[in-house]
Amino acid sequence: MIYLETDRLILRDYAAGDFDDYYRLMTDDRTMYYMNDIKLDSIGSAKEQFAAVLEDSASSERKLYFLHMELKDTHEQVGSIGYTVIDNTPVGKIVHMGYFTYPRFWGNGYTSEALKKVIEFAFTVDNVYRITTGCLSENKGSERVMQKCGMIKEAEHVDYEWHDDRMKTRVEYRLLKTEWKG
């Protein structure tokens, strides 16, 4: 079980009792505005996905490292953060990072604080070699989190994704273990 702490946050694996928090987060319209591909639309699909998350976290071949993010002092859920293992190479895992937080927590540095800790865990404990992530270019807050955590802009894909009734540009960032150490 993964349990990480920062100055203000606890980042931990989801537990069976977290379903209501998970469901509320994954169905929140504002939180999931840029994450329509993973936004849940029914309690049935949420229960299936949550069961898969719990099963994967107990597996020796774990692929999903998404953690419940909560305030240390009140244990109020802030969001979710983590990564999916895309490949496991001889030099280490290649992962795709992601995060989503409730709007009331935006602008407080929580996501940057959490992402720095997850990056540290990935590179020092979980044998990750390469982290990738990205967002729509209009999502300046998300892009700023990547920049604050030392990630390097790798690409800008113009008119890449259909979102909110129009084509939008996507930016991609990366961080290699050697770049993080340096």
N, C-alpha and C. Protein backbone atom coordinates (compact mmCIF):
# COMPACT_ATOMS: atom_id res chain seq x y z
N MET A 1 0.83 -1.18 0.00
CA MET A 1 0.00 0.00 0.00
C MET A 1 0.88 1.25 0.00
N ILE A 2 0.52 2.19 -0.85
CA ILE A 2 1.27 3.43 -0.94
C ILE A 2 0.65 4.46 0.01
N TYR A 3 1.51 5.08 0.78
CA TYR A 3 1.11 6.15 1.70
C TYR A 3 2.24 7.17 1.71
N LEU A 4 1.95 8.37 1.19
CA LEU A 4 2.95 9.43 1.11
C LEU A 4 2.41 10.67 1.82
N GLU A 5 3.31 11.45 2.41
CA GLU A 5 2.92 12.69 3.05
C GLU A 5 3.75 13.85 2.52
N THR A 6 3.12 15.00 2.41
CA THR A 6 3.80 16.26 2.14
C THR A 6 3.53 17.16 3.34
N ASP A 7 3.91 18.40 3.26
CA ASP A 7 3.65 19.30 4.38
C ASP A 7 2.17 19.40 4.71
N ARG A 8 1.33 19.41 3.67
CA ARG A 8 -0.10 19.66 3.89
C ARG A 8 -1.02 18.52 3.47
N LEU A 9 -0.46 17.50 2.82
CA LEU A 9 -1.30 16.48 2.18
C LEU A 9 -0.92 15.06 2.57
N ILE A 10 -1.90 14.18 2.44
CA ILE A 10 -1.69 12.73 2.48
C ILE A 10 -2.08 12.21 1.11
N LEU A 11 -1.23 11.41 0.53
CA LEU A 11 -1.47 10.76 -0.76
C LEU A 11 -1.41 9.27 -0.48
N ARG A 12 -2.50 8.58 -0.76
CA ARG A 12 -2.54 7.15 -0.40
C ARG A 12 -3.38 6.38 -1.40
N ASP A 13 -3.14 5.07 -1.41
CA ASP A 13 -3.98 4.20 -2.21
C ASP A 13 -5.43 4.32 -1.75
N TYR A 14 -6.33 4.17 -2.70
CA TYR A 14 -7.74 4.12 -2.35
C TYR A 14 -8.02 2.86 -1.55
N ALA A 15 -8.94 2.97 -0.60
CA ALA A 15 -9.38 1.84 0.21
C ALA A 15 -10.86 1.61 -0.05
N ALA A 16 -11.36 0.46 0.34
CA ALA A 16 -12.76 0.10 0.08
C ALA A 16 -13.74 1.16 0.57
N GLY A 17 -13.46 1.81 1.67
CA GLY A 17 -14.35 2.82 2.23
C GLY A 17 -14.33 4.15 1.51
N ASP A 18 -13.52 4.28 0.47
CA ASP A 18 -13.39 5.55 -0.26
C ASP A 18 -14.31 5.66 -1.46
N PHE A 19 -15.21 4.71 -1.65
CA PHE A 19 -16.02 4.73 -2.87
C PHE A 19 -16.81 6.03 -3.03
N ASP A 20 -17.46 6.50 -2.00
CA ASP A 20 -18.26 7.71 -2.13
C ASP A 20 -17.42 8.90 -2.57
N ASP A 21 -16.23 9.05 -1.99
CA ASP A 21 -15.31 10.13 -2.40
C ASP A 21 -14.90 9.95 -3.86
N TYR A 22 -14.58 8.72 -4.23
CA TYR A 22 -14.15 8.42 -5.59
C TYR A 22 -15.27 8.77 -6.59
N TYR A 23 -16.46 8.33 -6.27
CA TYR A 23 -17.61 8.58 -7.15
C TYR A 23 -17.89 10.07 -7.29
N ARG A 24 -17.89 10.78 -6.18
CA ARG A 24 -18.15 12.22 -6.20
C ARG A 24 -17.11 12.95 -7.05
N LEU A 25 -15.85 12.59 -6.90
CA LEU A 25 -14.77 13.23 -7.66
C LEU A 25 -14.89 12.93 -9.15
N MET A 26 -15.08 11.67 -9.49
CA MET A 26 -15.06 11.23 -10.89
C MET A 26 -16.31 11.64 -11.66
N THR A 27 -17.31 12.14 -10.97
CA THR A 27 -18.53 12.59 -11.65
C THR A 27 -18.72 14.11 -11.54
N ASP A 28 -17.79 14.80 -10.91
CA ASP A 28 -17.91 16.24 -10.72
C ASP A 28 -17.64 16.96 -12.06
N ASP A 29 -18.62 17.71 -12.53
CA ASP A 29 -18.52 18.35 -13.85
C ASP A 29 -17.34 19.31 -13.97
N ARG A 30 -17.11 20.16 -12.99
CA ARG A 30 -16.02 21.13 -13.10
C ARG A 30 -14.66 20.47 -12.95
N THR A 31 -14.54 19.54 -12.01
CA THR A 31 -13.27 18.85 -11.80
C THR A 31 -12.87 18.08 -13.05
N MET A 32 -13.83 17.43 -13.68
CA MET A 32 -13.54 16.55 -14.81
C MET A 32 -13.75 17.23 -16.16
N TYR A 33 -13.86 18.54 -16.19
CA TYR A 33 -14.12 19.27 -17.44
C TYR A 33 -13.13 18.90 -18.54
N TYR A 34 -11.86 18.81 -18.21
CA TYR A 34 -10.85 18.47 -19.22
C TYR A 34 -10.57 16.97 -19.30
N MET A 35 -11.30 16.18 -18.55
CA MET A 35 -11.04 14.74 -18.48
C MET A 35 -12.27 13.95 -18.90
N ASN A 36 -12.95 14.39 -19.94
CA ASN A 36 -14.18 13.74 -20.38
C ASN A 36 -13.99 12.26 -20.71
N ASP A 37 -12.79 11.88 -21.11
CA ASP A 37 -12.55 10.48 -21.48
C ASP A 37 -12.59 9.54 -20.27
N ILE A 38 -12.37 10.06 -19.07
CA ILE A 38 -12.41 9.20 -17.89
C ILE A 38 -13.51 9.59 -16.90
N LYS A 39 -14.25 10.64 -17.21
CA LYS A 39 -15.35 11.05 -16.34
C LYS A 39 -16.40 9.94 -16.31
N LEU A 40 -16.89 9.65 -15.13
CA LEU A 40 -17.89 8.59 -14.99
C LEU A 40 -19.29 9.19 -15.04
N ASP A 41 -20.21 8.39 -15.56
CA ASP A 41 -21.57 8.91 -15.74
C ASP A 41 -22.64 8.10 -15.03
N SER A 42 -22.23 7.04 -14.34
CA SER A 42 -23.23 6.25 -13.61
C SER A 42 -22.58 5.59 -12.41
N ILE A 43 -23.40 5.30 -11.43
CA ILE A 43 -22.89 4.64 -10.23
C ILE A 43 -22.43 3.22 -10.55
N GLY A 44 -23.08 2.59 -11.51
CA GLY A 44 -22.69 1.24 -11.91
C GLY A 44 -21.29 1.21 -12.51
N SER A 45 -21.01 2.12 -13.43
CA SER A 45 -19.67 2.16 -14.04
C SER A 45 -18.63 2.58 -13.00
N ALA A 46 -19.03 3.43 -12.06
CA ALA A 46 -18.10 3.84 -11.00
C ALA A 46 -17.75 2.66 -10.10
N LYS A 47 -18.73 1.85 -9.76
CA LYS A 47 -18.47 0.68 -8.91
C LYS A 47 -17.54 -0.30 -9.61
N GLU A 48 -17.77 -0.52 -10.91
CA GLU A 48 -16.89 -1.41 -11.68
C GLU A 48 -15.47 -0.88 -11.71
N GLN A 49 -15.33 0.40 -12.03
CA GLN A 49 -13.99 0.98 -12.12
C GLN A 49 -13.29 0.99 -10.76
N PHE A 50 -14.03 1.33 -9.71
CA PHE A 50 -13.44 1.36 -8.38
C PHE A 50 -12.97 -0.03 -7.96
N ALA A 51 -13.75 -1.04 -8.26
CA ALA A 51 -13.34 -2.41 -7.95
C ALA A 51 -12.06 -2.77 -8.71
N ALA A 52 -11.96 -2.32 -9.95
CA ALA A 52 -10.75 -2.58 -10.75
C ALA A 52 -9.54 -1.85 -10.16
N VAL A 53 -9.75 -0.64 -9.67
CA VAL A 53 -8.67 0.13 -9.04
C VAL A 53 -8.16 -0.60 -7.80
N LEU A 54 -9.08 -1.07 -6.96
CA LEU A 54 -8.69 -1.79 -5.75
C LEU A 54 -7.97 -3.09 -6.09
N GLU A 55 -8.48 -3.80 -7.08
CA GLU A 55 -7.85 -5.06 -7.49
C GLU A 55 -6.45 -4.81 -8.04
N ASP A 56 -6.30 -3.78 -8.88
CA ASP A 56 -4.99 -3.48 -9.45
C ASP A 56 -3.99 -3.08 -8.37
N SER A 57 -4.42 -2.32 -7.37
CA SER A 57 -3.49 -1.87 -6.33
C SER A 57 -2.94 -3.03 -5.50
N ALA A 58 -3.63 -4.15 -5.51
CA ALA A 58 -3.17 -5.33 -4.78
C ALA A 58 -2.36 -6.29 -5.65
N SER A 59 -2.25 -5.99 -6.94
CA SER A 59 -1.59 -6.87 -7.89
C SER A 59 -0.07 -6.68 -7.90
N SER A 60 0.65 -7.77 -8.10
CA SER A 60 2.12 -7.67 -8.24
C SER A 60 2.49 -7.06 -9.60
N GLU A 61 1.56 -7.05 -10.53
CA GLU A 61 1.76 -6.45 -11.86
C GLU A 61 0.99 -5.13 -11.96
N ARG A 62 1.03 -4.37 -10.94
CA ARG A 62 0.26 -3.13 -10.84
C ARG A 62 0.52 -2.19 -12.02
N LYS A 63 -0.56 -1.59 -12.54
CA LYS A 63 -0.48 -0.64 -13.65
C LYS A 63 -0.99 0.74 -13.26
N LEU A 64 -1.91 0.82 -12.30
CA LEU A 64 -2.54 2.08 -11.92
C LEU A 64 -2.03 2.55 -10.56
N TYR A 65 -1.44 3.71 -10.55
CA TYR A 65 -0.90 4.27 -9.31
C TYR A 65 -1.59 5.60 -9.01
N PHE A 66 -2.91 5.62 -9.08
CA PHE A 66 -3.64 6.85 -8.77
C PHE A 66 -4.01 6.83 -7.29
N LEU A 67 -3.70 7.94 -6.64
CA LEU A 67 -3.81 8.03 -5.20
C LEU A 67 -4.88 9.04 -4.78
N HIS A 68 -5.52 8.72 -3.69
CA HIS A 68 -6.47 9.62 -3.03
C HIS A 68 -5.64 10.75 -2.42
N MET A 69 -5.99 11.98 -2.73
CA MET A 69 -5.27 13.15 -2.23
C MET A 69 -6.18 13.86 -1.22
N GLU A 70 -5.68 14.01 0.02
CA GLU A 70 -6.49 14.63 1.06
C GLU A 70 -5.67 15.59 1.90
N LEU A 71 -6.36 16.54 2.52
CA LEU A 71 -5.70 17.47 3.44
C LEU A 71 -5.29 16.71 4.69
N LYS A 72 -4.09 16.99 5.16
CA LYS A 72 -3.57 16.32 6.34
C LYS A 72 -4.38 16.65 7.60
N ASP A 73 -4.77 17.90 7.73
CA ASP A 73 -5.42 18.30 8.98
C ASP A 73 -6.89 17.91 9.06
N THR A 74 -7.63 17.95 7.96
CA THR A 74 -9.07 17.66 8.01
C THR A 74 -9.45 16.35 7.32
N HIS A 75 -8.55 15.78 6.55
CA HIS A 75 -8.78 14.57 5.74
C HIS A 75 -9.82 14.78 4.65
N GLU A 76 -10.09 16.04 4.31
CA GLU A 76 -11.01 16.35 3.22
C GLU A 76 -10.34 16.01 1.89
N GLN A 77 -11.08 15.36 1.01
CA GLN A 77 -10.54 14.99 -0.30
C GLN A 77 -10.28 16.23 -1.14
N VAL A 78 -9.07 16.30 -1.70
CA VAL A 78 -8.65 17.39 -2.58
C VAL A 78 -8.79 16.95 -4.03
N GLY A 79 -8.49 15.69 -4.29
CA GLY A 79 -8.55 15.17 -5.65
C GLY A 79 -7.89 13.83 -5.75
N SER A 80 -7.33 13.56 -6.93
CA SER A 80 -6.63 12.31 -7.19
C SER A 80 -5.42 12.61 -8.05
N ILE A 81 -4.35 11.86 -7.84
CA ILE A 81 -3.11 12.11 -8.57
C ILE A 81 -2.36 10.80 -8.72
N GLY A 82 -1.65 10.65 -9.83
CA GLY A 82 -0.84 9.45 -10.00
C GLY A 82 -0.50 9.19 -11.44
N TYR A 83 -0.28 7.92 -11.74
CA TYR A 83 0.14 7.56 -13.09
C TYR A 83 -0.30 6.15 -13.46
N THR A 84 -0.27 5.93 -14.77
CA THR A 84 -0.55 4.62 -15.35
C THR A 84 0.73 4.12 -16.00
N VAL A 85 1.09 2.87 -15.74
CA VAL A 85 2.27 2.29 -16.37
C VAL A 85 1.92 1.94 -17.81
N ILE A 86 2.67 2.53 -18.74
CA ILE A 86 2.46 2.31 -20.17
C ILE A 86 3.34 1.16 -20.68
N ASP A 87 4.57 1.09 -20.14
CA ASP A 87 5.52 0.05 -20.56
C ASP A 87 6.51 -0.17 -19.43
N ASN A 88 7.08 -1.36 -19.41
CA ASN A 88 8.12 -1.68 -18.44
C ASN A 88 9.33 -2.13 -19.23
N THR A 89 10.31 -1.24 -19.35
CA THR A 89 11.48 -1.48 -20.19
C THR A 89 12.67 -1.92 -19.34
N PRO A 90 13.76 -2.37 -19.96
CA PRO A 90 14.96 -2.73 -19.19
C PRO A 90 15.54 -1.57 -18.36
N VAL A 91 15.27 -0.31 -18.75
CA VAL A 91 15.79 0.82 -17.98
C VAL A 91 14.79 1.35 -16.95
N GLY A 92 13.57 0.83 -16.97
CA GLY A 92 12.56 1.27 -16.02
C GLY A 92 11.20 1.46 -16.67
N LYS A 93 10.24 1.81 -15.84
CA LYS A 93 8.87 1.99 -16.30
C LYS A 93 8.70 3.31 -17.05
N ILE A 94 7.83 3.28 -18.05
CA ILE A 94 7.38 4.49 -18.73
C ILE A 94 5.95 4.68 -18.28
N VAL A 95 5.65 5.88 -17.76
CA VAL A 95 4.34 6.12 -17.18
C VAL A 95 3.73 7.41 -17.72
N HIS A 96 2.40 7.45 -17.67
CA HIS A 96 1.66 8.67 -18.03
C HIS A 96 0.99 9.20 -16.77
N MET A 97 1.37 10.42 -16.39
CA MET A 97 0.92 11.06 -15.15
C MET A 97 -0.40 11.79 -15.37
N GLY A 98 -1.17 11.92 -14.32
CA GLY A 98 -2.40 12.70 -14.38
C GLY A 98 -2.81 13.16 -13.00
N TYR A 99 -3.64 14.18 -12.97
CA TYR A 99 -4.14 14.71 -11.71
C TYR A 99 -5.40 15.50 -11.96
N PHE A 100 -6.28 15.52 -10.99
CA PHE A 100 -7.48 16.34 -11.05
C PHE A 100 -7.89 16.66 -9.63
N THR A 101 -8.21 17.94 -9.42
CA THR A 101 -8.56 18.42 -8.09
C THR A 101 -9.86 19.21 -8.16
N TYR A 102 -10.55 19.22 -7.04
CA TYR A 102 -11.77 20.02 -6.96
C TYR A 102 -11.43 21.50 -7.15
N PRO A 103 -12.27 22.24 -7.85
CA PRO A 103 -12.01 23.67 -8.12
C PRO A 103 -11.76 24.50 -6.86
N ARG A 104 -12.39 24.16 -5.75
CA ARG A 104 -12.20 24.97 -4.54
C ARG A 104 -10.75 24.90 -4.02
N PHE A 105 -9.97 23.94 -4.52
CA PHE A 105 -8.58 23.82 -4.09
C PHE A 105 -7.59 24.37 -5.12
N TRP A 106 -8.08 24.81 -6.26
CA TRP A 106 -7.20 25.36 -7.28
C TRP A 106 -6.51 26.63 -6.76
N GLY A 107 -5.28 26.82 -7.20
CA GLY A 107 -4.56 28.05 -6.88
C GLY A 107 -3.91 28.06 -5.50
N ASN A 108 -3.92 26.93 -4.80
CA ASN A 108 -3.32 26.86 -3.46
C ASN A 108 -2.00 26.09 -3.43
N GLY A 109 -1.56 25.59 -4.59
CA GLY A 109 -0.30 24.85 -4.65
C GLY A 109 -0.40 23.39 -4.25
N TYR A 110 -1.60 22.91 -3.96
CA TYR A 110 -1.75 21.52 -3.53
C TYR A 110 -1.32 20.53 -4.61
N THR A 111 -1.74 20.79 -5.85
CA THR A 111 -1.44 19.83 -6.91
C THR A 111 0.06 19.80 -7.20
N SER A 112 0.72 20.94 -7.19
CA SER A 112 2.18 20.98 -7.40
C SER A 112 2.89 20.24 -6.26
N GLU A 113 2.44 20.47 -5.05
CA GLU A 113 3.02 19.80 -3.87
C GLU A 113 2.87 18.28 -4.00
N ALA A 114 1.70 17.86 -4.39
CA ALA A 114 1.43 16.43 -4.53
C ALA A 114 2.22 15.84 -5.70
N LEU A 115 2.26 16.54 -6.82
CA LEU A 115 2.96 16.02 -8.00
C LEU A 115 4.45 15.86 -7.71
N LYS A 116 5.06 16.80 -7.03
CA LYS A 116 6.48 16.66 -6.68
C LYS A 116 6.72 15.39 -5.86
N LYS A 117 5.81 15.10 -4.94
CA LYS A 117 5.96 13.91 -4.10
C LYS A 117 5.76 12.63 -4.91
N VAL A 118 4.79 12.63 -5.81
CA VAL A 118 4.55 11.44 -6.64
C VAL A 118 5.72 11.22 -7.60
N ILE A 119 6.28 12.29 -8.14
CA ILE A 119 7.46 12.16 -9.00
C ILE A 119 8.62 11.57 -8.21
N GLU A 120 8.84 12.07 -7.01
CA GLU A 120 9.90 11.53 -6.15
C GLU A 120 9.68 10.03 -5.91
N PHE A 121 8.46 9.65 -5.56
CA PHE A 121 8.14 8.23 -5.34
C PHE A 121 8.42 7.42 -6.61
N ALA A 122 7.96 7.92 -7.74
CA ALA A 122 8.11 7.19 -9.01
C ALA A 122 9.58 6.91 -9.31
N PHE A 123 10.42 7.92 -9.16
CA PHE A 123 11.83 7.77 -9.51
C PHE A 123 12.67 7.07 -8.45
N THR A 124 12.32 7.20 -7.18
CA THR A 124 13.17 6.62 -6.13
C THR A 124 12.68 5.27 -5.61
N VAL A 125 11.39 4.98 -5.76
CA VAL A 125 10.85 3.74 -5.20
C VAL A 125 10.33 2.80 -6.28
N ASP A 126 9.70 3.33 -7.31
CA ASP A 126 8.95 2.49 -8.26
C ASP A 126 9.66 2.22 -9.59
N ASN A 127 10.95 2.52 -9.67
CA ASN A 127 11.73 2.22 -10.88
C ASN A 127 11.13 2.82 -12.15
N VAL A 128 10.65 4.06 -12.04
CA VAL A 128 10.15 4.76 -13.22
C VAL A 128 11.33 5.44 -13.90
N TYR A 129 11.37 5.35 -15.21
CA TYR A 129 12.43 5.98 -16.01
C TYR A 129 11.93 7.25 -16.71
N ARG A 130 10.70 7.21 -17.22
CA ARG A 130 10.17 8.34 -17.99
C ARG A 130 8.72 8.61 -17.59
N ILE A 131 8.43 9.90 -17.32
CA ILE A 131 7.08 10.35 -17.02
C ILE A 131 6.64 11.26 -18.15
N THR A 132 5.42 11.05 -18.64
CA THR A 132 4.83 11.97 -19.60
C THR A 132 3.49 12.45 -19.05
N THR A 133 3.08 13.60 -19.47
CA THR A 133 1.77 14.13 -19.14
C THR A 133 1.46 15.26 -20.10
N GLY A 134 0.26 15.77 -20.06
CA GLY A 134 -0.11 16.86 -20.95
C GLY A 134 -1.48 17.39 -20.60
N CYS A 135 -1.86 18.44 -21.31
CA CYS A 135 -3.17 19.06 -21.09
C CYS A 135 -3.51 19.91 -22.30
N LEU A 136 -4.75 20.32 -22.39
CA LEU A 136 -5.12 21.28 -23.41
C LEU A 136 -4.44 22.60 -23.08
N SER A 137 -3.96 23.29 -24.09
CA SER A 137 -3.16 24.50 -23.86
C SER A 137 -3.94 25.59 -23.14
N GLU A 138 -5.25 25.58 -23.24
CA GLU A 138 -6.04 26.59 -22.54
C GLU A 138 -6.09 26.34 -21.03
N ASN A 139 -5.72 25.16 -20.60
CA ASN A 139 -5.73 24.80 -19.18
C ASN A 139 -4.41 25.25 -18.55
N LYS A 140 -4.27 26.55 -18.41
CA LYS A 140 -3.01 27.16 -17.96
C LYS A 140 -2.61 26.71 -16.56
N GLY A 141 -3.57 26.49 -15.68
CA GLY A 141 -3.25 26.04 -14.33
C GLY A 141 -2.57 24.68 -14.32
N SER A 142 -3.08 23.77 -15.13
CA SER A 142 -2.49 22.44 -15.22
C SER A 142 -1.09 22.51 -15.82
N GLU A 143 -0.94 23.30 -16.86
CA GLU A 143 0.38 23.43 -17.49
C GLU A 143 1.37 24.05 -16.50
N ARG A 144 0.92 24.99 -15.71
CA ARG A 144 1.80 25.63 -14.72
C ARG A 144 2.26 24.62 -13.67
N VAL A 145 1.40 23.70 -13.28
CA VAL A 145 1.79 22.65 -12.34
C VAL A 145 2.96 21.85 -12.92
N MET A 146 2.86 21.48 -14.18
CA MET A 146 3.92 20.71 -14.83
C MET A 146 5.24 21.49 -14.80
N GLN A 147 5.16 22.76 -15.14
CA GLN A 147 6.35 23.61 -15.17
C GLN A 147 6.96 23.75 -13.77
N LYS A 148 6.13 23.98 -12.76
CA LYS A 148 6.61 24.14 -11.39
C LYS A 148 7.30 22.88 -10.88
N CYS A 149 6.95 21.74 -11.44
CA CYS A 149 7.53 20.48 -11.00
C CYS A 149 8.73 20.07 -11.85
N GLY A 150 9.21 20.97 -12.69
CA GLY A 150 10.43 20.72 -13.46
C GLY A 150 10.24 19.92 -14.73
N MET A 151 9.01 19.74 -15.15
CA MET A 151 8.78 18.97 -16.36
C MET A 151 9.14 19.82 -17.58
N ILE A 152 9.48 19.16 -18.66
CA ILE A 152 10.00 19.80 -19.86
C ILE A 152 8.98 19.67 -20.99
N LYS A 153 8.65 20.81 -21.59
CA LYS A 153 7.70 20.80 -22.70
C LYS A 153 8.33 20.08 -23.88
N GLU A 154 7.59 19.11 -24.39
CA GLU A 154 8.12 18.26 -25.45
C GLU A 154 7.40 18.48 -26.78
N ALA A 155 6.13 18.87 -26.72
CA ALA A 155 5.37 19.01 -27.97
C ALA A 155 4.16 19.89 -27.77
N GLU A 156 3.72 20.47 -28.88
CA GLU A 156 2.46 21.20 -28.92
C GLU A 156 1.73 20.73 -30.17
N HIS A 157 0.58 20.13 -29.95
CA HIS A 157 -0.21 19.56 -31.04
C HIS A 157 -1.38 20.49 -31.34
N VAL A 158 -1.30 21.21 -32.44
CA VAL A 158 -2.32 22.18 -32.82
C VAL A 158 -3.58 21.46 -33.31
N ASP A 159 -4.73 21.95 -32.85
CA ASP A 159 -6.02 21.35 -33.21
C ASP A 159 -5.99 19.83 -33.07
N TYR A 160 -5.61 19.37 -31.92
CA TYR A 160 -5.35 17.96 -31.65
C TYR A 160 -6.58 17.20 -31.15
N GLU A 161 -7.43 17.91 -30.40
CA GLU A 161 -8.49 17.20 -29.69
C GLU A 161 -9.81 17.95 -29.79
N TRP A 162 -10.88 17.20 -30.00
CA TRP A 162 -12.21 17.77 -30.02
C TRP A 162 -12.69 17.88 -28.58
N HIS A 163 -12.97 19.10 -28.15
CA HIS A 163 -13.40 19.32 -26.77
C HIS A 163 -14.32 20.53 -26.72
N ASP A 164 -15.45 20.37 -26.08
CA ASP A 164 -16.39 21.47 -25.88
C ASP A 164 -16.78 22.12 -27.21
N ASP A 165 -17.10 21.28 -28.19
CA ASP A 165 -17.61 21.68 -29.51
C ASP A 165 -16.61 22.40 -30.41
N ARG A 166 -15.32 22.16 -30.18
CA ARG A 166 -14.32 22.71 -31.10
C ARG A 166 -12.98 21.99 -30.94
N MET A 167 -12.14 22.15 -31.93
CA MET A 167 -10.79 21.57 -31.89
C MET A 167 -9.91 22.43 -30.98
N LYS A 168 -9.08 21.75 -30.19
CA LYS A 168 -8.20 22.46 -29.26
C LYS A 168 -6.79 21.92 -29.33
N THR A 169 -5.85 22.77 -28.96
CA THR A 169 -4.43 22.43 -28.98
C THR A 169 -4.03 21.76 -27.67
N ARG A 170 -3.17 20.75 -27.77
CA ARG A 170 -2.68 20.02 -26.60
C ARG A 170 -1.17 20.20 -26.47
N VAL A 171 -0.71 20.36 -25.23
CA VAL A 171 0.72 20.42 -24.96
C VAL A 171 1.13 19.16 -24.20
N GLU A 172 2.34 18.69 -24.45
CA GLU A 172 2.86 17.48 -23.82
C GLU A 172 4.16 17.80 -23.09
N TYR A 173 4.30 17.24 -21.91
CA TYR A 173 5.50 17.43 -21.08
C TYR A 173 6.08 16.07 -20.71
N ARG A 174 7.37 16.09 -20.36
CA ARG A 174 8.04 14.86 -19.94
C ARG A 174 9.04 15.18 -18.84
N LEU A 175 9.46 14.11 -18.16
CA LEU A 175 10.56 14.19 -17.22
C LEU A 175 11.21 12.82 -17.15
N LEU A 176 12.49 12.78 -17.43
CA LEU A 176 13.27 11.55 -17.33
C LEU A 176 13.92 11.51 -15.94
N LYS A 177 14.19 10.32 -15.47
CA LYS A 177 14.83 10.17 -14.16
C LYS A 177 16.14 10.94 -14.12
N THR A 178 16.92 10.89 -15.20
CA THR A 178 18.20 11.59 -15.24
C THR A 178 18.01 13.10 -15.20
N GLU A 179 16.94 13.61 -15.80
CA GLU A 179 16.66 15.05 -15.76
C GLU A 179 16.22 15.46 -14.35
N TRP A 180 15.47 14.61 -13.68
CA TRP A 180 15.00 14.90 -12.33
C TRP A 180 16.18 14.93 -11.37
N LYS A 181 17.10 13.98 -11.51
CA LYS A 181 18.28 13.94 -10.65
C LYS A 181 19.17 15.16 -10.86
N GLY A 182 19.25 15.59 -12.14
CA GLY A 182 20.16 16.69 -12.50
C GLY A 182 19.64 18.01 -12.07
